[in-house]
Amino acid sequence: MSGLDLWLYGTPVASVTVERRSRARMTFGSEAIERWGLGSRILTVAEPLTTDVLPPGRTAVILEGLLPEGDALATLENLFGAAPTDLLASIGRETLGAVTVLSTGEDLPGHGSVPLGPELSGEDIADRIRGLTARPLGVSPGTPVRLSLPGAQPKLPLHRIDGFYFDPTTDHPSTVIVKPEPGEWPRLVELEAWGLEVLAAAGVPTPNWEIASFEGIPALVVQRFDRVFEDGGFRRIHQEDLCMAVGARPGEKYATSSRSATSLARMATAVYQNVDDPDQDLDRFVRVVVANVAIGNCDGHARNLGLLHPDDGTTQLAPAYDVIPTYHYRGHDKILAQTVDGQQMRPETVNWEHLHAEVGTWRIRGAEEHLRDAVVAVREAVHTVGPPPDSPSVSELMADVQRLLP
């Protein structure tokens, strides 16, 4: 293929040229530099807008960060090609946040060019859920859906308005993500809903959600926080996950040491140095870290938290998402996704001394005060919400929340 153009808020923000062996290089567009200025971090805080050409490794961080992972990625590679550029040329019309990826020279679709399709019934949605293994995200060569969302968990993005569901189109982006319950992880829907409830009680912004059933298939329906309804339609807001924000590829989302690209220190610094309200967002980040320990979310990796980039060039921490007490499951790794105090640790072994030592390595002013506020807020949230029913392991873990206090 010849290359790609990345569009953001109606402006060509970058172009990608493909070399031998699918190596790609990225160049930021002059219109984007004129609109947001040299040094703007509108696309990703890891790569400010510059006139320099990004080398293949740094280009791969951005392109791979727009794609799903795991079995979904493998299936899409079989359908559309293994190279990230081939995949994005086929399914990149709607990606994470507000980026639209087109083949080089292809015009950005005009407003009204793709109409809203027929309303989907509960049976239609159930059929799409059953087909997610063969058609990740509802995408296949025979469907008009052309979108790419990061993550490994099966999910079905849909356009919902006034309570009715539709397949997303260029003009009508997905506004909710339907997350069905995987057969190998029973009760995942209710446990994720419970996790979001705990985070909200601890003072962390979370997306709106509801539990639904489609022809007997339980699912968590999460409202996309990177969509805003105004003037009779939905406007997309760009976001990036913290893996991309620290310049790491998706395979590095777990931190196995304090030197890992996605360590808590690296992520905290990326948040603090780039958001417009650093004290507020650092406080929220710390509360997420403490809550993950308290409820046993061992999958709180760098792709499960992100930054929002509105079109005015500001940056803020995104609401928390994918908050699941994986400690509940015997078959899931019970090691936290990020090291604490330089150690790979199980949640039940983490105490105040570990957390205090960890934030001390961040060298961020006020981090200790935020930690003290966070452990109190999480303790109160745990007591207010209570443990999930029929989960002895999580209940026992939460009963020992006092160990996190000074």
Protein backbone atom coordinates (compact mmCIF):
# COMPACT_ATOMS: atom_id res chain seq x y z
CA MET A 1 0.00 0.00 0.00
CA SER A 2 1.09 3.60 -0.56
CA GLY A 3 0.46 4.96 2.91
CA LEU A 4 -2.06 6.44 5.33
CA ASP A 5 -3.45 9.79 6.32
CA LEU A 6 -4.53 10.37 9.93
CA TRP A 7 -7.28 12.95 10.40
CA LEU A 8 -8.19 14.61 13.68
CA TYR A 9 -11.04 17.09 14.12
CA GLY A 10 -11.30 17.56 10.38
CA THR A 11 -7.58 18.33 9.99
CA PRO A 12 -4.97 16.00 8.42
CA VAL A 13 -2.79 15.59 11.51
CA ALA A 14 -0.23 13.14 10.10
CA SER A 15 0.73 11.05 7.10
CA VAL A 16 2.36 7.62 7.13
CA THR A 17 4.65 6.25 4.46
CA VAL A 18 5.30 2.52 4.22
CA GLU A 19 8.75 1.11 3.52
CA ARG A 20 10.08 -2.39 3.01
CA ARG A 21 8.90 -5.09 5.43
CA SER A 22 5.96 -2.91 6.46
CA ARG A 23 8.19 -0.44 8.30
CA ALA A 24 6.42 2.92 8.47
CA ARG A 25 7.40 6.51 9.19
CA MET A 26 5.09 9.32 10.28
CA THR A 27 5.16 13.00 9.34
CA PHE A 28 2.92 15.55 11.01
CA GLY A 29 0.83 17.69 8.68
CA SER A 30 1.47 21.39 8.09
CA GLU A 31 -2.23 22.14 8.61
CA ALA A 32 -2.12 20.48 12.03
CA ILE A 33 0.99 22.44 12.99
CA GLU A 34 -0.69 25.64 11.82
CA ARG A 35 -3.87 24.84 13.76
CA TRP A 36 -2.39 23.65 17.05
CA GLY A 37 1.22 24.86 16.89
CA LEU A 38 4.62 23.22 17.01
CA GLY A 39 5.00 21.24 20.20
CA SER A 40 1.28 20.60 20.58
CA ARG A 41 0.50 17.17 22.01
CA ILE A 42 -2.95 16.95 20.41
CA LEU A 43 -2.38 13.44 18.99
CA THR A 44 -0.28 11.96 21.81
CA VAL A 45 1.71 13.49 24.63
CA ALA A 46 4.61 11.21 23.73
CA GLU A 47 5.06 12.87 20.32
CA PRO A 48 4.61 16.65 20.17
CA LEU A 49 3.89 18.04 16.70
CA THR A 50 7.19 18.54 14.92
CA THR A 51 8.60 18.99 11.43
CA ASP A 52 10.86 15.98 11.98
CA VAL A 53 9.92 12.57 10.58
CA LEU A 54 9.19 9.96 13.25
CA PRO A 55 11.26 6.77 12.87
CA PRO A 56 9.58 3.35 12.52
CA GLY A 57 9.69 2.44 16.21
CA ARG A 58 7.95 5.61 17.38
CA THR A 59 5.50 5.44 14.49
CA ALA A 60 4.61 1.86 15.46
CA VAL A 61 3.68 2.99 18.99
CA ILE A 62 0.98 5.26 17.56
CA LEU A 63 -0.34 2.89 14.89
CA GLU A 64 -0.41 -0.18 17.12
CA GLY A 65 -2.03 1.90 19.86
CA LEU A 66 -5.08 2.34 17.61
CA LEU A 67 -5.60 -1.40 17.20
CA PRO A 68 -7.12 -4.16 19.37
CA GLU A 69 -5.09 -6.98 20.90
CA GLY A 70 -5.09 -10.72 21.44
CA ASP A 71 -7.45 -13.01 19.55
CA ALA A 72 -9.35 -10.05 18.08
CA LEU A 73 -6.18 -8.68 16.50
CA ALA A 74 -5.16 -12.10 15.16
CA THR A 75 -8.56 -12.56 13.52
CA LEU A 76 -8.51 -9.10 11.96
CA GLU A 77 -4.98 -9.73 10.66
CA ASN A 78 -6.23 -12.84 8.91
CA LEU A 79 -9.07 -10.86 7.37
CA PHE A 80 -7.27 -7.68 6.33
CA GLY A 81 -3.50 -8.21 6.56
CA ALA A 82 -0.93 -8.48 9.31
CA ALA A 83 0.68 -5.05 8.98
CA PRO A 84 -0.82 -2.30 11.17
CA THR A 85 -0.96 -0.04 8.10
CA ASP A 86 -3.02 -2.61 6.18
CA LEU A 87 -5.37 -3.09 9.10
CA LEU A 88 -5.90 0.62 9.66
CA ALA A 89 -6.47 1.24 5.95
CA SER A 90 -9.35 -1.26 6.17
CA ILE A 91 -10.87 -0.60 9.59
CA GLY A 92 -9.54 2.80 10.64
CA ARG A 93 -12.54 4.99 9.78
CA GLU A 94 -13.31 5.09 13.50
CA THR A 95 -10.59 4.41 16.05
CA LEU A 96 -9.83 5.27 19.64
CA GLY A 97 -11.14 8.77 20.32
CA ALA A 98 -11.42 10.95 17.25
CA VAL A 99 -8.71 9.75 14.86
CA THR A 100 -9.87 8.74 11.38
CA VAL A 101 -7.40 6.72 9.31
CA LEU A 102 -7.70 6.72 5.50
CA SER A 103 -5.53 5.54 2.64
CA THR A 104 -3.24 8.25 1.30
CA GLY A 105 -5.14 10.76 -0.79
CA GLU A 106 -8.58 9.48 0.19
CA ASP A 107 -10.95 12.32 0.99
CA LEU A 108 -12.40 12.62 4.46
CA PRO A 109 -16.04 11.53 4.15
CA GLY A 110 -18.37 14.50 4.11
CA HIS A 111 -21.12 14.96 6.64
CA GLY A 112 -24.23 13.08 5.62
CA SER A 113 -22.39 10.74 3.26
CA VAL A 114 -23.18 7.60 5.29
CA PRO A 115 -26.77 7.40 6.58
CA LEU A 116 -27.90 5.75 9.77
CA GLY A 117 -28.87 2.16 9.05
CA PRO A 118 -31.90 0.20 10.28
CA GLU A 119 -32.58 -0.10 13.98
CA LEU A 120 -31.10 -3.20 15.58
CA SER A 121 -33.33 -5.54 17.52
CA GLY A 122 -32.23 -7.44 20.60
CA GLU A 123 -31.88 -10.51 18.39
CA ASP A 124 -29.70 -8.55 15.93
CA ILE A 125 -27.39 -7.48 18.76
CA ALA A 126 -27.28 -11.01 20.17
CA ASP A 127 -26.27 -12.33 16.73
CA ARG A 128 -23.48 -9.77 16.54
CA ILE A 129 -22.30 -10.74 20.03
CA ARG A 130 -22.25 -14.43 19.11
CA GLY A 131 -20.20 -13.56 16.04
CA LEU A 132 -17.52 -11.50 17.81
CA THR A 133 -14.98 -14.32 17.63
CA ALA A 134 -15.15 -14.39 13.82
CA ARG A 135 -15.96 -10.68 13.47
CA PRO A 136 -14.17 -8.75 16.22
CA LEU A 137 -15.84 -5.41 16.97
CA GLY A 138 -18.54 -6.45 14.47
CA VAL A 139 -16.07 -5.92 11.61
CA SER A 140 -15.66 -8.18 8.58
CA PRO A 141 -15.06 -7.66 4.85
CA GLY A 142 -18.77 -8.06 4.23
CA THR A 143 -20.00 -5.42 6.68
CA PRO A 144 -20.08 -1.62 6.38
CA VAL A 145 -18.64 -1.26 9.90
CA ARG A 146 -15.07 0.04 9.70
CA LEU A 147 -13.79 0.70 13.19
CA SER A 148 -10.90 -0.21 15.43
CA LEU A 149 -10.84 -0.09 19.23
CA PRO A 150 -7.97 -1.14 21.50
CA GLY A 151 -8.30 -3.90 24.06
CA ALA A 152 -8.39 -7.67 24.29
CA GLN A 153 -11.83 -8.19 25.86
CA PRO A 154 -14.61 -8.92 23.33
CA LYS A 155 -16.75 -5.85 22.76
CA LEU A 156 -19.35 -4.57 20.34
CA PRO A 157 -19.39 -0.81 19.66
CA LEU A 158 -22.84 0.47 18.68
CA HIS A 159 -24.55 3.78 18.01
CA ARG A 160 -27.34 4.33 20.53
CA ILE A 161 -29.68 7.28 20.55
CA ASP A 162 -32.97 7.70 22.41
CA GLY A 163 -32.66 4.10 23.60
CA PHE A 164 -32.41 2.60 20.11
CA TYR A 165 -29.37 0.78 18.75
CA PHE A 166 -27.77 1.00 15.30
CA ASP A 167 -24.56 -0.09 13.59
CA PRO A 168 -22.06 2.80 13.73
CA THR A 169 -21.20 4.71 10.56
CA THR A 170 -18.82 7.53 9.67
CA ASP A 171 -21.49 10.13 10.43
CA HIS A 172 -22.98 8.23 13.37
CA PRO A 173 -20.06 7.00 15.51
CA SER A 174 -20.36 4.37 18.19
CA THR A 175 -21.68 5.93 21.38
CA VAL A 176 -21.79 2.84 23.60
CA ILE A 177 -19.67 -0.28 23.97
CA VAL A 178 -21.52 -3.51 24.65
CA LYS A 179 -19.29 -5.85 26.67
CA PRO A 180 -20.84 -9.35 26.78
CA GLU A 181 -19.99 -11.85 29.45
CA PRO A 182 -17.28 -14.25 28.24
CA GLY A 183 -18.12 -17.86 28.99
CA GLU A 184 -14.72 -18.49 30.56
CA TRP A 185 -15.16 -15.61 33.04
CA PRO A 186 -18.62 -15.99 34.63
CA ARG A 187 -20.11 -12.97 36.42
CA LEU A 188 -17.69 -10.61 34.67
CA VAL A 189 -20.51 -8.20 33.82
CA GLU A 190 -21.71 -7.73 37.39
CA LEU A 191 -18.15 -7.65 38.74
CA GLU A 192 -17.09 -4.91 36.33
CA ALA A 193 -20.22 -2.91 37.17
CA TRP A 194 -19.37 -3.31 40.85
CA GLY A 195 -15.79 -2.17 40.24
CA LEU A 196 -17.00 0.98 38.52
CA GLU A 197 -19.33 1.63 41.44
CA VAL A 198 -16.44 1.43 43.91
CA LEU A 199 -14.29 3.81 41.84
CA ALA A 200 -17.15 6.30 41.58
CA ALA A 201 -17.69 6.13 45.37
CA ALA A 202 -13.97 6.87 45.80
CA GLY A 203 -14.33 10.10 43.85
CA VAL A 204 -13.01 8.89 40.49
CA PRO A 205 -14.98 9.86 37.35
CA THR A 206 -16.37 6.81 35.56
CA PRO A 207 -18.52 6.40 32.44
CA ASN A 208 -22.25 5.85 32.70
CA TRP A 209 -23.14 2.18 32.46
CA GLU A 210 -26.01 -0.26 32.74
CA ILE A 211 -26.44 -4.02 32.81
CA ALA A 212 -28.55 -5.36 29.94
CA SER A 213 -29.50 -8.69 28.40
CA PHE A 214 -29.74 -9.42 24.70
CA GLU A 215 -31.66 -12.64 24.05
CA GLY A 216 -30.39 -14.01 27.34
CA ILE A 217 -26.79 -12.83 26.88
CA PRO A 218 -25.79 -10.61 29.84
CA ALA A 219 -23.77 -7.54 28.90
CA LEU A 220 -22.43 -4.34 30.37
CA VAL A 221 -23.40 -1.37 28.20
CA VAL A 222 -20.90 1.43 28.76
CA GLN A 223 -21.51 4.94 27.46
CA ARG A 224 -18.48 6.28 25.61
CA PHE A 225 -17.04 9.28 27.44
CA ASP A 226 -15.24 10.36 24.27
CA ARG A 227 -18.55 11.21 22.62
CA VAL A 228 -20.50 14.43 23.27
CA PHE A 229 -24.04 15.05 22.05
CA GLU A 230 -24.55 18.56 20.72
CA ASP A 231 -26.50 20.26 17.93
CA GLY A 232 -28.50 17.13 17.26
CA GLY A 233 -25.51 14.84 16.76
CA PHE A 234 -22.52 13.25 18.44
CA ARG A 235 -19.08 14.82 18.37
CA ARG A 236 -15.99 12.64 18.88
CA ILE A 237 -13.29 13.59 21.40
CA HIS A 238 -9.79 12.24 20.94
CA GLN A 239 -8.20 10.06 23.59
CA GLU A 240 -5.06 7.99 24.00
CA ASP A 241 -4.28 5.31 26.55
CA LEU A 242 -1.36 5.67 28.93
CA CYS A 243 0.60 3.04 27.05
CA MET A 244 0.76 5.36 24.06
CA ALA A 245 1.24 8.38 26.33
CA VAL A 246 4.52 7.01 27.68
CA GLY A 247 5.67 5.92 24.23
CA ALA A 248 5.22 2.20 24.84
CA ARG A 249 3.82 -0.42 22.49
CA PRO A 250 0.74 -2.43 23.55
CA GLY A 251 2.83 -5.46 24.45
CA GLU A 252 4.49 -3.38 27.18
CA LYS A 253 1.26 -2.53 29.01
CA TYR A 254 2.25 -4.57 32.08
CA ALA A 255 5.14 -3.29 34.21
CA THR A 256 7.35 -6.10 35.47
CA SER A 257 9.88 -3.79 37.16
CA SER A 258 10.28 -0.17 38.20
CA ARG A 259 12.31 0.32 35.01
CA SER A 260 9.45 -0.77 32.74
CA ALA A 261 8.19 1.74 30.21
CA THR A 262 4.74 1.58 31.80
CA SER A 263 5.73 1.78 35.46
CA LEU A 264 3.48 3.72 37.80
CA ALA A 265 6.14 6.43 38.01
CA ARG A 266 6.28 6.81 34.22
CA MET A 267 2.49 6.96 33.94
CA ALA A 268 2.10 9.37 36.84
CA THR A 269 4.69 11.67 35.31
CA ALA A 270 2.99 11.55 31.92
CA VAL A 271 -0.27 12.58 33.56
CA TYR A 272 1.16 15.26 35.83
CA GLN A 273 3.32 16.94 33.18
CA ASN A 274 0.71 17.06 30.43
CA VAL A 275 -2.75 17.68 31.86
CA ASP A 276 -4.16 21.16 32.41
CA ASP A 277 -5.11 20.50 36.04
CA PRO A 278 -2.21 18.38 37.31
CA ASP A 279 -3.20 18.30 40.99
CA GLN A 280 -6.76 17.19 40.24
CA ASP A 281 -5.77 14.51 37.75
CA LEU A 282 -2.84 13.23 39.80
CA ASP A 283 -5.24 12.84 42.71
CA ARG A 284 -7.60 10.79 40.53
CA PHE A 285 -4.74 8.70 39.18
CA VAL A 286 -3.56 7.84 42.69
CA ARG A 287 -7.10 6.89 43.72
CA VAL A 288 -7.28 4.46 40.80
CA VAL A 289 -3.95 2.91 41.85
CA VAL A 290 -5.10 2.47 45.45
CA ALA A 291 -8.52 1.16 44.44
CA ASN A 292 -6.95 -1.45 42.15
CA VAL A 293 -5.02 -2.76 45.15
CA ALA A 294 -8.02 -2.64 47.49
CA ILE A 295 -10.44 -4.54 45.22
CA GLY A 296 -7.92 -6.84 43.55
CA ASN A 297 -7.93 -5.45 40.03
CA CYS A 298 -4.83 -7.24 38.75
CA ASP A 299 -5.50 -6.17 35.17
CA GLY A 300 -5.20 -2.41 35.73
CA HIS A 301 -2.54 -2.08 33.04
CA ALA A 302 -1.47 0.98 31.07
CA ARG A 303 -4.12 0.56 28.37
CA ASN A 304 -6.92 0.73 30.93
CA LEU A 305 -6.45 4.40 31.71
CA GLY A 306 -6.03 7.28 29.31
CA LEU A 307 -5.95 10.96 28.46
CA LEU A 308 -8.59 13.04 26.68
CA HIS A 309 -7.60 15.64 24.07
CA PRO A 310 -10.45 18.03 23.14
CA ASP A 311 -10.02 20.03 19.94
CA ASP A 312 -8.91 23.13 21.87
CA GLY A 313 -5.60 21.43 22.61
CA THR A 314 -6.17 20.89 26.34
CA THR A 315 -5.52 17.55 28.05
CA GLN A 316 -7.17 15.79 30.98
CA LEU A 317 -7.21 12.37 32.59
CA ALA A 318 -9.99 10.23 31.15
CA PRO A 319 -12.58 8.55 33.39
CA ALA A 320 -11.65 5.12 34.72
CA TYR A 321 -12.74 2.10 32.71
CA ASP A 322 -12.25 -1.70 32.63
CA VAL A 323 -12.21 -1.87 36.43
CA ILE A 324 -12.62 -5.54 37.33
CA PRO A 325 -11.77 -7.36 40.59
CA THR A 326 -9.90 -10.12 38.77
CA TYR A 327 -8.77 -11.37 42.19
CA HIS A 328 -12.16 -13.13 42.22
CA TYR A 329 -11.05 -15.64 39.59
CA ARG A 330 -8.89 -18.60 40.47
CA GLY A 331 -7.60 -18.85 36.92
CA HIS A 332 -6.45 -15.22 36.68
CA ASP A 333 -2.95 -14.04 37.58
CA LYS A 334 -3.09 -12.48 41.05
CA ILE A 335 -0.04 -10.27 40.51
CA LEU A 336 -0.82 -6.57 40.08
CA ALA A 337 -0.37 -5.21 36.56
CA GLN A 338 2.16 -2.60 37.73
CA THR A 339 4.95 -3.07 40.26
CA VAL A 340 4.59 -1.32 43.62
CA ASP A 341 7.75 -0.14 45.38
CA GLY A 342 9.74 -1.85 42.63
CA GLN A 343 8.21 -5.26 43.33
CA GLN A 344 5.75 -7.53 41.58
CA MET A 345 3.16 -7.93 44.29
CA ARG A 346 -0.13 -9.58 45.09
CA PRO A 347 -2.79 -7.10 46.29
CA GLU A 348 -3.06 -8.63 49.78
CA THR A 349 0.65 -8.03 50.42
CA VAL A 350 0.60 -4.30 49.62
CA ASN A 351 0.45 -1.96 52.63
CA TRP A 352 0.94 1.75 53.36
CA GLU A 353 4.71 1.47 53.47
CA HIS A 354 4.80 0.02 49.97
CA LEU A 355 2.46 2.66 48.55
CA HIS A 356 4.30 5.48 50.32
CA ALA A 357 7.66 4.27 49.03
CA GLU A 358 6.24 3.94 45.51
CA VAL A 359 4.89 7.49 45.24
CA GLY A 360 8.17 8.73 46.73
CA THR A 361 9.96 7.48 43.61
CA TRP A 362 7.72 9.62 41.39
CA ARG A 363 9.39 12.82 42.61
CA ILE A 364 6.13 14.72 42.07
CA ARG A 365 5.28 17.51 44.48
CA GLY A 366 2.19 16.72 46.52
CA ALA A 367 2.04 13.03 45.59
CA GLU A 368 2.22 11.91 49.23
CA GLU A 369 -0.69 14.16 50.21
CA HIS A 370 -2.73 12.75 47.33
CA LEU A 371 -1.90 9.25 48.52
CA ARG A 372 -3.12 10.02 52.04
CA ASP A 373 -6.39 11.36 50.64
CA ALA A 374 -6.72 8.39 48.30
CA VAL A 375 -6.38 5.64 50.91
CA VAL A 376 -9.03 7.31 53.08
CA ALA A 377 -11.39 7.79 50.12
CA VAL A 378 -10.95 4.18 48.97
CA ARG A 379 -11.49 2.81 52.47
CA GLU A 380 -14.75 4.77 52.74
CA ALA A 381 -15.82 3.63 49.27
CA VAL A 382 -15.14 -0.01 50.13
CA HIS A 383 -17.22 0.26 53.29
CA THR A 384 -20.02 2.13 51.52
CA VAL A 385 -20.38 -0.17 48.52
CA GLY A 386 -19.46 -3.41 50.23
CA PRO A 387 -17.92 -6.49 48.59
CA PRO A 388 -19.52 -8.21 45.59
CA PRO A 389 -21.82 -11.07 46.58
CA ASP A 390 -20.53 -14.62 46.51
CA SER A 391 -16.90 -13.62 46.21
CA PRO A 392 -15.09 -14.76 49.38
CA SER A 393 -11.62 -13.93 48.07
CA VAL A 394 -12.49 -10.31 47.23
CA SER A 395 -14.46 -9.93 50.47
CA GLU A 396 -11.47 -11.10 52.49
CA LEU A 397 -9.15 -8.78 50.58
CA MET A 398 -11.41 -5.76 51.17
CA ALA A 399 -11.85 -6.61 54.85
CA ASP A 400 -8.13 -5.97 55.27
CA VAL A 401 -8.25 -2.51 53.69
CA GLN A 402 -6.88 -0.97 56.92
CA ARG A 403 -3.40 -2.17 55.91
CA LEU A 404 -3.37 0.59 53.25
CA LEU A 405 -3.72 3.36 55.85
CA PRO A 406 -0.77 5.15 57.49
